[in-house]
N, C-alpha and C. Protein backbone atom coordinates (compact mmCIF):
# COMPACT_ATOMS: atom_id res chain seq x y z
N MET A 1 44.85 -28.03 -34.25
CA MET A 1 44.15 -27.93 -33.12
C MET A 1 43.61 -26.36 -33.41
N PHE A 2 42.36 -25.50 -33.20
CA PHE A 2 41.93 -24.69 -33.47
C PHE A 2 41.44 -24.04 -32.34
N ALA A 3 41.87 -23.00 -31.25
CA ALA A 3 40.98 -22.08 -30.44
C ALA A 3 41.31 -20.77 -30.75
N GLY A 4 39.82 -20.19 -30.05
CA GLY A 4 39.46 -18.88 -30.13
C GLY A 4 38.87 -18.55 -28.69
N GLU A 5 39.68 -17.43 -28.69
CA GLU A 5 38.77 -16.39 -27.35
C GLU A 5 37.22 -15.99 -27.79
N ILE A 6 37.06 -15.71 -26.17
CA ILE A 6 35.33 -15.04 -26.43
C ILE A 6 35.26 -14.09 -25.35
N HIS A 7 35.03 -13.05 -25.23
CA HIS A 7 35.52 -12.27 -24.71
C HIS A 7 34.23 -10.94 -24.14
N ALA A 8 33.35 -11.06 -23.08
CA ALA A 8 32.62 -10.76 -22.68
C ALA A 8 32.59 -9.37 -22.22
N HIS A 9 31.96 -8.08 -22.69
CA HIS A 9 31.98 -6.60 -22.18
C HIS A 9 30.89 -5.69 -21.72
N SER A 10 30.13 -6.83 -21.75
CA SER A 10 28.66 -6.05 -20.55
C SER A 10 28.26 -7.20 -19.53
N ASP A 11 27.84 -6.66 -18.92
CA ASP A 11 26.51 -7.69 -17.39
C ASP A 11 26.34 -9.04 -17.95
N GLU A 12 25.46 -8.67 -19.22
CA GLU A 12 24.56 -10.05 -19.95
C GLU A 12 25.31 -10.83 -20.91
N SER A 13 26.20 -10.02 -21.24
CA SER A 13 27.11 -11.48 -21.73
C SER A 13 28.06 -12.03 -20.71
N ARG A 14 28.30 -11.08 -20.23
CA ARG A 14 29.17 -12.59 -18.94
C ARG A 14 28.21 -13.76 -18.35
N ILE A 15 26.99 -13.16 -18.50
CA ILE A 15 25.94 -14.09 -17.59
C ILE A 15 26.21 -15.30 -18.70
N ASP A 16 25.93 -14.69 -19.78
CA ASP A 16 25.15 -15.79 -20.87
C ASP A 16 25.76 -14.74 -22.58
N PHE A 17 26.88 -15.16 -22.89
CA PHE A 17 27.28 -14.62 -23.90
C PHE A 17 26.74 -14.23 -25.14
N ARG A 18 25.27 -15.06 -25.28
CA ARG A 18 23.99 -15.16 -26.28
C ARG A 18 23.61 -13.85 -25.84
N ARG A 19 23.62 -13.55 -24.88
CA ARG A 19 22.55 -12.10 -24.64
C ARG A 19 22.62 -11.25 -25.31
N ASP A 20 24.24 -10.76 -25.42
CA ASP A 20 24.71 -9.35 -26.40
C ASP A 20 25.91 -9.95 -26.82
N TYR A 21 25.43 -10.32 -28.35
CA TYR A 21 26.28 -10.50 -29.14
C TYR A 21 27.54 -9.30 -29.29
N ASP A 22 26.59 -8.14 -29.69
CA ASP A 22 27.27 -6.69 -29.91
C ASP A 22 28.61 -6.56 -28.60
N ALA A 23 28.13 -6.84 -27.67
CA ALA A 23 29.50 -6.91 -26.21
C ALA A 23 30.31 -7.94 -26.45
N LEU A 24 30.22 -8.80 -27.89
CA LEU A 24 31.83 -9.69 -27.87
C LEU A 24 32.64 -9.44 -28.95
N THR A 25 33.82 -9.69 -28.07
CA THR A 25 34.87 -9.63 -29.14
C THR A 25 35.76 -10.96 -28.84
N TYR A 26 36.35 -11.58 -30.22
CA TYR A 26 37.30 -12.84 -30.13
C TYR A 26 38.45 -12.41 -31.27
N ARG A 27 39.38 -13.43 -30.37
CA ARG A 27 40.50 -13.64 -30.92
C ARG A 27 41.22 -15.12 -30.64
N VAL A 28 41.82 -15.41 -31.99
CA VAL A 28 42.84 -16.33 -31.69
C VAL A 28 43.61 -16.33 -30.80
N CYS A 29 43.84 -18.38 -29.88
CA CYS A 29 44.52 -17.94 -28.78
C CYS A 29 45.36 -19.31 -29.02
N THR A 30 46.29 -19.47 -28.22
CA THR A 30 47.23 -20.62 -28.12
C THR A 30 47.01 -21.55 -26.71
N VAL A 31 46.25 -22.63 -27.42
CA VAL A 31 46.09 -23.57 -26.51
C VAL A 31 47.29 -24.28 -25.60
N PRO A 32 47.01 -23.94 -24.28
CA PRO A 32 48.64 -24.96 -23.75
C PRO A 32 48.76 -26.26 -23.37
N ASP A 33 50.33 -26.78 -23.51
CA ASP A 33 50.39 -27.80 -23.84
C ASP A 33 49.47 -28.86 -23.22
N ASP A 34 49.18 -28.66 -22.20
CA ASP A 34 49.19 -29.28 -20.35
C ASP A 34 46.98 -29.75 -21.34
N ILE A 35 46.53 -28.75 -21.67
CA ILE A 35 45.62 -28.66 -22.12
C ILE A 35 45.09 -29.35 -23.60
N ARG A 36 46.29 -29.48 -24.41
CA ARG A 36 46.19 -29.60 -25.54
C ARG A 36 46.63 -31.07 -25.54
N CYS A 37 47.36 -31.68 -24.72
CA CYS A 37 47.20 -33.83 -24.43
C CYS A 37 45.69 -33.93 -23.79
N GLY A 38 45.37 -33.11 -23.23
CA GLY A 38 44.26 -33.57 -22.46
C GLY A 38 42.88 -33.87 -23.25
N VAL A 39 43.07 -32.66 -24.49
CA VAL A 39 42.01 -32.78 -25.23
C VAL A 39 41.92 -33.64 -26.56
N GLN A 40 43.84 -33.97 -26.71
CA GLN A 40 44.00 -35.70 -27.54
C GLN A 40 43.45 -36.80 -26.67
N ARG A 41 43.89 -36.67 -25.60
CA ARG A 41 43.13 -37.32 -25.13
C ARG A 41 41.61 -38.06 -24.69
N LEU A 42 41.34 -36.79 -24.86
CA LEU A 42 39.78 -37.20 -24.47
C LEU A 42 38.78 -37.05 -26.03
N MET A 43 39.18 -36.95 -27.38
CA MET A 43 38.76 -36.85 -28.44
C MET A 43 39.58 -38.24 -28.86
N SER A 44 40.71 -38.73 -28.61
CA SER A 44 41.00 -39.84 -28.51
C SER A 44 40.27 -41.55 -27.87
N ALA A 45 39.57 -41.00 -26.66
CA ALA A 45 39.28 -41.87 -26.11
C ALA A 45 37.26 -41.77 -26.54
N PHE A 46 36.76 -40.91 -27.03
CA PHE A 46 35.52 -41.14 -27.76
C PHE A 46 35.32 -41.19 -29.32
N ASP A 47 36.89 -41.21 -29.19
CA ASP A 47 36.64 -41.56 -31.55
C ASP A 47 36.12 -40.80 -31.71
N LEU A 48 36.52 -39.05 -31.73
CA LEU A 48 36.10 -38.24 -32.25
C LEU A 48 36.91 -37.69 -33.07
N ARG A 49 36.61 -37.13 -34.37
CA ARG A 49 37.62 -36.12 -35.51
C ARG A 49 36.92 -34.79 -35.37
N TYR A 50 36.37 -34.62 -34.72
CA TYR A 50 36.50 -33.48 -34.88
C TYR A 50 34.81 -32.47 -33.41
N ALA A 51 35.81 -31.69 -32.58
CA ALA A 51 34.69 -31.46 -31.70
C ALA A 51 35.06 -30.13 -31.10
N ALA A 52 34.16 -29.34 -31.28
CA ALA A 52 34.63 -28.15 -30.33
C ALA A 52 34.13 -27.80 -28.75
N LEU A 53 35.13 -27.84 -28.59
CA LEU A 53 35.15 -27.59 -26.84
C LEU A 53 35.01 -26.26 -26.05
N ASP A 54 34.31 -25.94 -25.09
CA ASP A 54 34.48 -24.70 -24.55
C ASP A 54 35.24 -24.69 -23.16
N PHE A 55 35.59 -23.91 -22.90
CA PHE A 55 36.69 -23.64 -21.40
C PHE A 55 36.02 -22.36 -21.29
N LEU A 56 36.59 -22.04 -19.78
CA LEU A 56 36.26 -21.13 -19.03
C LEU A 56 37.97 -20.78 -18.38
N VAL A 57 38.22 -20.04 -18.41
CA VAL A 57 39.43 -19.91 -17.86
C VAL A 57 39.62 -18.40 -17.08
N ASP A 58 39.89 -18.71 -16.08
CA ASP A 58 40.03 -18.44 -14.60
C ASP A 58 41.35 -17.00 -14.79
N HIS A 59 40.97 -15.74 -13.70
CA HIS A 59 42.34 -14.77 -13.78
C HIS A 59 43.47 -15.49 -13.31
N ASP A 60 43.86 -16.72 -12.88
CA ASP A 60 45.18 -17.34 -12.83
C ASP A 60 45.20 -18.26 -13.79
N ASP A 61 44.75 -18.18 -14.98
CA ASP A 61 45.57 -18.90 -16.57
C ASP A 61 44.31 -20.28 -15.88
N THR A 62 43.56 -20.75 -15.44
CA THR A 62 43.38 -22.16 -15.00
C THR A 62 41.84 -22.56 -16.31
N TRP A 63 42.24 -23.10 -17.20
CA TRP A 63 41.43 -23.85 -17.56
C TRP A 63 40.37 -24.75 -17.37
N HIS A 64 38.81 -24.74 -17.24
CA HIS A 64 38.12 -25.46 -17.16
C HIS A 64 37.09 -26.04 -18.37
N LEU A 65 36.63 -27.41 -18.36
CA LEU A 65 36.42 -27.87 -19.69
C LEU A 65 34.78 -27.19 -19.17
N VAL A 66 34.36 -26.69 -19.96
CA VAL A 66 32.62 -26.71 -19.51
C VAL A 66 31.79 -27.69 -20.37
N ASP A 67 32.20 -27.72 -21.64
CA ASP A 67 31.26 -29.40 -22.10
C ASP A 67 32.18 -29.53 -23.38
N VAL A 68 31.57 -30.79 -24.26
CA VAL A 68 32.16 -30.84 -24.99
C VAL A 68 30.64 -31.19 -26.39
N ASN A 69 31.30 -30.32 -27.67
CA ASN A 69 30.19 -30.57 -28.82
C ASN A 69 30.55 -30.68 -29.95
N PRO A 70 30.41 -32.20 -30.60
CA PRO A 70 30.83 -32.83 -31.43
C PRO A 70 29.87 -32.33 -32.61
N ASN A 71 29.61 -31.62 -32.75
CA ASN A 71 28.65 -30.72 -33.29
C ASN A 71 28.85 -29.08 -33.49
N GLY A 72 29.78 -28.86 -32.86
CA GLY A 72 29.63 -27.36 -32.38
C GLY A 72 30.18 -26.71 -33.25
N GLN A 73 30.04 -24.93 -33.13
CA GLN A 73 29.54 -24.54 -33.82
C GLN A 73 31.17 -23.79 -34.39
N TYR A 74 31.84 -23.11 -34.95
CA TYR A 74 32.83 -22.55 -35.10
C TYR A 74 32.77 -21.30 -35.82
N GLY A 75 32.05 -20.80 -36.71
CA GLY A 75 32.10 -19.86 -37.96
C GLY A 75 32.43 -18.13 -37.37
N PHE A 76 31.40 -17.89 -35.77
CA PHE A 76 31.85 -16.99 -35.13
C PHE A 76 33.28 -16.40 -35.19
N ILE A 77 33.61 -17.16 -35.53
CA ILE A 77 35.28 -15.97 -34.94
C ILE A 77 36.04 -16.43 -36.51
N PRO A 78 35.67 -15.15 -37.23
CA PRO A 78 36.04 -14.88 -38.36
C PRO A 78 37.54 -15.59 -38.76
N GLU A 79 38.58 -15.49 -38.34
CA GLU A 79 40.09 -15.41 -38.45
C GLU A 79 40.25 -17.30 -38.08
N LEU A 80 39.14 -17.83 -37.65
CA LEU A 80 38.96 -19.42 -37.36
C LEU A 80 38.19 -20.17 -38.97
N ALA A 81 36.96 -19.22 -38.84
CA ALA A 81 36.25 -19.95 -39.76
C ALA A 81 36.91 -20.74 -41.25
N GLN A 82 37.35 -20.28 -41.87
CA GLN A 82 37.91 -20.70 -43.04
C GLN A 82 39.33 -21.69 -42.88
N PRO A 83 40.29 -21.93 -41.84
CA PRO A 83 41.11 -22.67 -41.53
C PRO A 83 40.55 -23.81 -41.15
N ILE A 84 39.06 -23.63 -40.44
CA ILE A 84 38.86 -24.40 -39.61
C ILE A 84 37.68 -25.72 -40.57
N ALA A 85 36.89 -25.11 -41.58
CA ALA A 85 36.33 -25.30 -42.72
C ALA A 85 37.16 -25.97 -43.38
N ARG A 86 38.53 -25.76 -43.98
CA ARG A 86 39.50 -26.75 -44.50
C ARG A 86 39.68 -27.75 -43.94
N ALA A 87 40.43 -27.34 -42.69
CA ALA A 87 40.51 -29.17 -42.42
C ALA A 87 39.58 -29.94 -41.70
N ILE A 88 38.41 -29.67 -42.10
CA ILE A 88 37.26 -30.67 -41.61
C ILE A 88 36.81 -30.97 -43.81
N ALA A 89 37.34 -29.84 -44.43
CA ALA A 89 37.49 -30.72 -45.78
C ALA A 89 37.99 -31.57 -46.41
N ASP A 90 39.51 -31.36 -46.04
CA ASP A 90 40.35 -32.04 -46.24
C ASP A 90 40.53 -33.22 -45.33
N LEU A 91 39.97 -33.34 -44.38
CA LEU A 91 39.77 -34.66 -43.12
C LEU A 91 38.68 -35.55 -44.86
N LEU A 92 37.27 -34.88 -44.69
CA LEU A 92 36.48 -35.47 -45.07
C LEU A 92 37.02 -36.25 -46.50
N GLU A 93 37.75 -35.35 -47.71
CA GLU A 93 38.09 -36.01 -48.80
C GLU A 93 39.77 -37.12 -48.36
N GLY A 94 40.39 -37.42 -47.16
CA GLY A 94 40.93 -38.29 -46.88
C GLY A 94 42.34 -37.28 -46.78
N ARG A 95 42.44 -36.62 -46.90
CA ARG A 95 43.79 -35.60 -47.29
C ARG A 95 44.74 -35.43 -45.85
N MET A 96 43.81 -35.67 -44.61
CA MET A 96 44.06 -35.52 -43.50
C MET A 96 43.91 -37.27 -43.00
N SER A 97 44.92 -37.54 -41.86
CA SER A 97 44.24 -38.47 -40.89
C SER A 97 43.77 -38.40 -39.59
């Protein structure tokens, strides 16, 4: 499981991050155990091997699921692009279960 944060630094990007890409910063983050377990159950229930899930995290560190993207993008977080691409390639080549 790979996770990254998008931080919005302008009013426009807080409304919709796509409105002001220059005002965004990214960083890798750790998924809390309860969220990780929930994601694994969701992936299993929908028989998904890959999905990009969007969450909003409030000031109390409560995670809110926004949507599930079975073809979601990941390349915009540089530190995650290569590890995710490698994991997908390994899966496609049968090196991962």
